[in-house]
Structures are given as C-alpha cells and as structure tokens.
Amino acid sequence: MSDYLSTTLLTKKKEIDCVIRDAIDKVLVLRFGRASDPVCLHLDDILSKSAREVSKFATIALVDIDSEDVQVYVNYFDITLVPSTVFFFNAHHMKMDSGTADHTKWVGAFHRKQDFIDVVEAIFRAAMKGKLIANCPLPPERIPKYELLYKNL
C-alpha cells in the first residue's frame, strides 16, 4: 500500500475520534470494512492507487468493522453493507447526494480510481464553500445500487 494510505487498520474508537478531530482542512475518508472481503480489497486497491493524487486535500483511513470497540461508529452510521465509506471535513460529517436513498455514506466500491478522486474533490469543494452535502459528480451508471433494509420498524 502507498505511504499516503494508513496501512494500519483503525480498531479503537479513540483512534477514530483522534483521526476525525485531527484532520484539519482536508477531507477525511473513512473506509469501513473487512480485510477479508473481496469488494473491500478492490476498494482498498483504488484508495491506495489514489492516495498520492488526493493527498493535498484528503486523508484516507481504514476502519475494521469487526473490532468490538468501533461498534459505536458502525451502529451510528448504520454500516450494514461493506465496504461503506464515510467522509468528514474539519470534524463535520460530510454527506453525498448520489441519487441513492442514503446520503450519509458511500456504499460499495468505486468502479475506478478517477471516480473516487472526483467524489473526494466534490466533497472538498462543497466543504470549502461551507456546505455539509455535496452533489455526486459521477453518472448514475457508475454509482453502486443497493436496497436499504429497515430493521425494527
């Protein structure tokens, strides 16, 4: 993996709190997933290949969802499908309107490296304008489709 990509998985709530708090004037990309999942591995490869190009305006970290200590974040962001990617800017949760039912996170892998770069750049530009939600710059055919399953309704 690239030097720009955190090679250590975040497995503690305290580590995640620190990285969210300490990422100043950059988009923080938190990939929630498992190292054993093939789709997560595909996304990790894209993140690794993109890390250098986004390093001036983004920081990337990986979160192990199987760690007991991070379940507060897994539950808070309703991480039921992996990989799921959550974005922050100056400790504020950034949302992405991609035409899906859930604006709080990106579910699934990006199709290619440039798609990830475009999304992070759109989030950065929106954040620099003081917005907490960005419009997805990708065409609908390159946005992963999934169904939301509501529990306990």
C-alpha atoms as a PDB file:
ATOM      1  CA  MET A   1       0.000   0.000   0.000  1.00  0.00           C
ATOM      2  CA  SER A   2       1.045   3.587  -0.538  1.00  0.00           C
ATOM      3  CA  ASP A   3       2.717   5.705   2.141  1.00  0.00           C
ATOM      4  CA  TYR A   4      -0.269   8.050   1.879  1.00  0.00           C
ATOM      5  CA  LEU A   5      -2.732   5.343   2.892  1.00  0.00           C
ATOM      6  CA  SER A   6      -2.943   4.319   6.510  1.00  0.00           C
ATOM      7  CA  THR A   7      -1.628   0.767   6.445  1.00  0.00           C
ATOM      8  CA  THR A   8      -2.814   0.151   9.998  1.00  0.00           C
ATOM      9  CA  LEU A   9      -6.475  -0.511  10.422  1.00  0.00           C
ATOM     10  CA  LEU A  10      -8.201   1.651  12.989  1.00  0.00           C
ATOM     11  CA  THR A  11      -9.648  -0.742  15.545  1.00  0.00           C
ATOM     12  CA  LYS A  12     -10.374   1.527  18.508  1.00  0.00           C
ATOM     13  CA  LYS A  13     -12.987   4.236  18.957  1.00  0.00           C
ATOM     14  CA  LYS A  14     -10.318   6.506  20.421  1.00  0.00           C
ATOM     15  CA  GLU A  15      -8.188   6.155  17.243  1.00  0.00           C
ATOM     16  CA  ILE A  16     -11.158   7.085  15.059  1.00  0.00           C
ATOM     17  CA  ASP A  17     -12.034  10.038  17.309  1.00  0.00           C
ATOM     18  CA  CYS A  18      -8.451  11.311  17.037  1.00  0.00           C
ATOM     19  CA  VAL A  19      -8.238  10.978  13.255  1.00  0.00           C
ATOM     20  CA  ILE A  20     -11.597  12.766  12.838  1.00  0.00           C
ATOM     21  CA  ARG A  21     -10.526  15.561  15.177  1.00  0.00           C
ATOM     22  CA  ASP A  22      -7.001  15.913  13.749  1.00  0.00           C
ATOM     23  CA  ALA A  23      -7.852  16.018  10.020  1.00  0.00           C
ATOM     24  CA  ILE A  24      -7.913  19.805   9.547  1.00  0.00           C
ATOM     25  CA  ASP A  25      -8.657  21.468   6.182  1.00  0.00           C
ATOM     26  CA  LYS A  26      -8.716  18.073   4.471  1.00  0.00           C
ATOM     27  CA  VAL A  27     -11.429  15.579   3.654  1.00  0.00           C
ATOM     28  CA  LEU A  28     -11.151  12.528   5.872  1.00  0.00           C
ATOM     29  CA  VAL A  29     -12.120   9.340   4.065  1.00  0.00           C
ATOM     30  CA  LEU A  30     -13.008   6.513   6.456  1.00  0.00           C
ATOM     31  CA  ARG A  31     -13.426   3.144   4.763  1.00  0.00           C
ATOM     32  CA  PHE A  32     -15.440   0.790   6.984  1.00  0.00           C
ATOM     33  CA  GLY A  33     -14.940  -2.831   6.013  1.00  0.00           C
ATOM     34  CA  ARG A  34     -13.104  -6.116   6.421  1.00  0.00           C
ATOM     35  CA  ALA A  35      -9.666  -7.058   5.129  1.00  0.00           C
ATOM     36  CA  SER A  36     -11.091 -10.452   4.106  1.00  0.00           C
ATOM     37  CA  ASP A  37     -13.902  -9.091   1.900  1.00  0.00           C
ATOM     38  CA  PRO A  38     -13.117  -9.106  -1.860  1.00  0.00           C
ATOM     39  CA  VAL A  39     -15.076  -5.886  -2.530  1.00  0.00           C
ATOM     40  CA  CYS A  40     -13.218  -4.176   0.342  1.00  0.00           C
ATOM     41  CA  LEU A  41      -9.918  -5.355  -1.141  1.00  0.00           C
ATOM     42  CA  HIS A  42     -10.925  -3.886  -4.511  1.00  0.00           C
ATOM     43  CA  LEU A  43     -11.810  -0.575  -2.852  1.00  0.00           C
ATOM     44  CA  ASP A  44      -8.577  -0.622  -0.824  1.00  0.00           C
ATOM     45  CA  ASP A  45      -6.642  -1.041  -4.069  1.00  0.00           C
ATOM     46  CA  ILE A  46      -8.416   2.002  -5.564  1.00  0.00           C
ATOM     47  CA  LEU A  47      -7.799   4.019  -2.382  1.00  0.00           C
ATOM     48  CA  SER A  48      -4.141   3.056  -2.377  1.00  0.00           C
ATOM     49  CA  LYS A  49      -3.663   3.993  -6.034  1.00  0.00           C
ATOM     50  CA  SER A  50      -5.490   7.313  -5.492  1.00  0.00           C
ATOM     51  CA  ALA A  51      -3.889   8.304  -2.192  1.00  0.00           C
ATOM     52  CA  ARG A  52      -0.987  10.265  -3.657  1.00  0.00           C
ATOM     53  CA  GLU A  53      -3.241  12.268  -6.001  1.00  0.00           C
ATOM     54  CA  VAL A  54      -5.669  13.280  -3.245  1.00  0.00           C
ATOM     55  CA  SER A  55      -3.044  13.760  -0.529  1.00  0.00           C
ATOM     56  CA  LYS A  56      -3.137  17.577  -0.759  1.00  0.00           C
ATOM     57  CA  PHE A  57      -6.853  17.712   0.103  1.00  0.00           C
ATOM     58  CA  ALA A  58      -7.729  14.333   1.654  1.00  0.00           C
ATOM     59  CA  THR A  59      -6.597  11.781   4.219  1.00  0.00           C
ATOM     60  CA  ILE A  60      -7.613   8.134   3.946  1.00  0.00           C
ATOM     61  CA  ALA A  61      -8.007   5.714   6.867  1.00  0.00           C
ATOM     62  CA  LEU A  62      -9.330   2.162   7.092  1.00  0.00           C
ATOM     63  CA  VAL A  63     -11.657   1.013   9.874  1.00  0.00           C
ATOM     64  CA  ASP A  64     -12.056  -2.648  10.823  1.00  0.00           C
ATOM     65  CA  ILE A  65     -15.795  -3.149  11.430  1.00  0.00           C
ATOM     66  CA  ASP A  66     -15.212  -6.436  13.254  1.00  0.00           C
ATOM     67  CA  SER A  67     -13.472  -4.664  16.129  1.00  0.00           C
ATOM     68  CA  GLU A  68     -15.747  -4.573  19.158  1.00  0.00           C
ATOM     69  CA  ASP A  69     -14.531  -1.092  20.126  1.00  0.00           C
ATOM     70  CA  VAL A  70     -15.704   0.599  16.887  1.00  0.00           C
ATOM     71  CA  GLN A  71     -19.265  -0.733  17.014  1.00  0.00           C
ATOM     72  CA  VAL A  72     -20.495   2.679  18.217  1.00  0.00           C
ATOM     73  CA  TYR A  73     -19.493   4.092  14.796  1.00  0.00           C
ATOM     74  CA  VAL A  74     -20.753   1.035  12.912  1.00  0.00           C
ATOM     75  CA  ASN A  75     -24.151   1.473  14.582  1.00  0.00           C
ATOM     76  CA  TYR A  76     -24.212   5.265  14.318  1.00  0.00           C
ATOM     77  CA  PHE A  77     -23.537   5.235  10.554  1.00  0.00           C
ATOM     78  CA  ASP A  78     -25.664   2.092  10.080  1.00  0.00           C
ATOM     79  CA  ILE A  79     -22.854   0.167   8.408  1.00  0.00           C
ATOM     80  CA  THR A  80     -24.751  -2.926   7.292  1.00  0.00           C
ATOM     81  CA  LEU A  81     -23.113  -3.331   3.876  1.00  0.00           C
ATOM     82  CA  VAL A  82     -19.353  -3.331   3.346  1.00  0.00           C
ATOM     83  CA  PRO A  83     -17.436  -1.544   2.209  1.00  0.00           C
ATOM     84  CA  SER A  84     -19.009   1.720   3.313  1.00  0.00           C
ATOM     85  CA  THR A  85     -17.108   4.988   3.070  1.00  0.00           C
ATOM     86  CA  VAL A  86     -17.867   7.963   5.303  1.00  0.00           C
ATOM     87  CA  PHE A  87     -16.468  11.452   4.700  1.00  0.00           C
ATOM     88  CA  PHE A  88     -15.572  14.235   7.159  1.00  0.00           C
ATOM     89  CA  PHE A  89     -14.190  17.748   6.859  1.00  0.00           C
ATOM     90  CA  ASN A  90     -12.924  19.657   9.919  1.00  0.00           C
ATOM     91  CA  ALA A  91     -14.660  17.094  12.168  1.00  0.00           C
ATOM     92  CA  HIS A  92     -18.021  17.602  10.399  1.00  0.00           C
ATOM     93  CA  HIS A  93     -19.719  14.665   8.737  1.00  0.00           C
ATOM     94  CA  MET A  94     -19.976  15.363   5.001  1.00  0.00           C
ATOM     95  CA  LYS A  95     -22.824  13.857   3.028  1.00  0.00           C
ATOM     96  CA  MET A  96     -23.036  12.994  -0.671  1.00  0.00           C
ATOM     97  CA  ASP A  97     -26.221  13.235  -2.733  1.00  0.00           C
ATOM     98  CA  SER A  98     -25.671  10.460  -5.233  1.00  0.00           C
ATOM     99  CA  GLY A  99     -29.299   9.753  -6.037  1.00  0.00           C
ATOM    100  CA  THR A 100     -29.436   6.833  -3.591  1.00  0.00           C
ATOM    101  CA  ALA A 101     -31.626   6.631  -0.507  1.00  0.00           C
ATOM    102  CA  ASP A 102     -28.683   7.116   1.866  1.00  0.00           C
ATOM    103  CA  HIS A 103     -26.679  10.352   1.710  1.00  0.00           C
ATOM    104  CA  THR A 104     -24.639   9.627   4.842  1.00  0.00           C
ATOM    105  CA  LYS A 105     -22.132   7.239   3.258  1.00  0.00           C
ATOM    106  CA  TRP A 106     -20.909   5.716   0.019  1.00  0.00           C
ATOM    107  CA  VAL A 107     -21.836   2.026  -0.063  1.00  0.00           C
ATOM    108  CA  GLY A 108     -19.749  -0.307  -2.212  1.00  0.00           C
ATOM    109  CA  ALA A 109     -16.537   0.180  -4.128  1.00  0.00           C
ATOM    110  CA  PHE A 110     -15.814   2.817  -6.717  1.00  0.00           C
ATOM    111  CA  HIS A 111     -15.618   1.489 -10.273  1.00  0.00           C
ATOM    112  CA  ARG A 112     -12.300   3.149 -10.973  1.00  0.00           C
ATOM    113  CA  LYS A 113      -9.655   5.369  -9.434  1.00  0.00           C
ATOM    114  CA  GLN A 114     -10.861   8.558 -11.143  1.00  0.00           C
ATOM    115  CA  ASP A 115     -14.379   8.082  -9.735  1.00  0.00           C
ATOM    116  CA  PHE A 116     -13.009   8.136  -6.193  1.00  0.00           C
ATOM    117  CA  ILE A 117     -10.856  11.196  -6.910  1.00  0.00           C
ATOM    118  CA  ASP A 118     -13.849  13.035  -8.432  1.00  0.00           C
ATOM    119  CA  VAL A 119     -16.066  12.265  -5.413  1.00  0.00           C
ATOM    120  CA  VAL A 120     -13.453  13.380  -2.869  1.00  0.00           C
ATOM    121  CA  GLU A 121     -12.776  16.552  -4.857  1.00  0.00           C
ATOM    122  CA  ALA A 122     -16.521  17.340  -4.998  1.00  0.00           C
ATOM    123  CA  ILE A 123     -16.778  16.879  -1.231  1.00  0.00           C
ATOM    124  CA  PHE A 124     -13.725  19.100  -0.685  1.00  0.00           C
ATOM    125  CA  ARG A 125     -15.123  21.865  -2.917  1.00  0.00           C
ATOM    126  CA  ALA A 126     -18.512  21.749  -1.161  1.00  0.00           C
ATOM    127  CA  ALA A 127     -16.827  21.830   2.266  1.00  0.00           C
ATOM    128  CA  MET A 128     -14.716  24.830   1.263  1.00  0.00           C
ATOM    129  CA  LYS A 129     -17.978  26.634   0.445  1.00  0.00           C
ATOM    130  CA  GLY A 130     -19.352  25.794   3.900  1.00  0.00           C
ATOM    131  CA  LYS A 131     -21.761  23.104   2.711  1.00  0.00           C
ATOM    132  CA  LEU A 132     -22.289  19.809   4.539  1.00  0.00           C
ATOM    133  CA  ILE A 133     -23.643  17.956   1.487  1.00  0.00           C
ATOM    134  CA  ALA A 134     -22.108  17.632  -1.961  1.00  0.00           C
ATOM    135  CA  ASN A 135     -23.643  16.573  -5.247  1.00  0.00           C
ATOM    136  CA  CYS A 136     -22.149  13.424  -6.706  1.00  0.00           C
ATOM    137  CA  PRO A 137     -20.192  14.205  -9.889  1.00  0.00           C
ATOM    138  CA  LEU A 138     -20.482  10.631 -11.234  1.00  0.00           C
ATOM    139  CA  PRO A 139     -23.019   9.480 -13.813  1.00  0.00           C
ATOM    140  CA  PRO A 140     -25.762   7.217 -12.392  1.00  0.00           C
ATOM    141  CA  GLU A 141     -24.396   4.082 -14.090  1.00  0.00           C
ATOM    142  CA  ARG A 142     -21.178   4.329 -12.023  1.00  0.00           C
ATOM    143  CA  ILE A 143     -22.953   4.670  -8.651  1.00  0.00           C
ATOM    144  CA  PRO A 144     -23.398   1.364  -6.798  1.00  0.00           C
ATOM    145  CA  LYS A 145     -27.033   0.327  -6.381  1.00  0.00           C
ATOM    146  CA  TYR A 146     -28.357  -1.369  -3.266  1.00  0.00           C
ATOM    147  CA  GLU A 147     -31.572  -1.696  -1.317  1.00  0.00           C
ATOM    148  CA  LEU A 148     -31.987  -0.356   2.180  1.00  0.00           C
ATOM    149  CA  LEU A 149     -33.350  -2.861   4.654  1.00  0.00           C
ATOM    150  CA  TYR A 150     -35.082  -1.249   7.598  1.00  0.00           C
ATOM    151  CA  LYS A 151     -34.924  -3.220  10.825  1.00  0.00           C
ATOM    152  CA  ASN A 152     -37.334  -2.950  13.749  1.00  0.00           C
ATOM    153  CA  LEU A 153     -39.958  -0.796  12.040  1.00  0.00           C
END
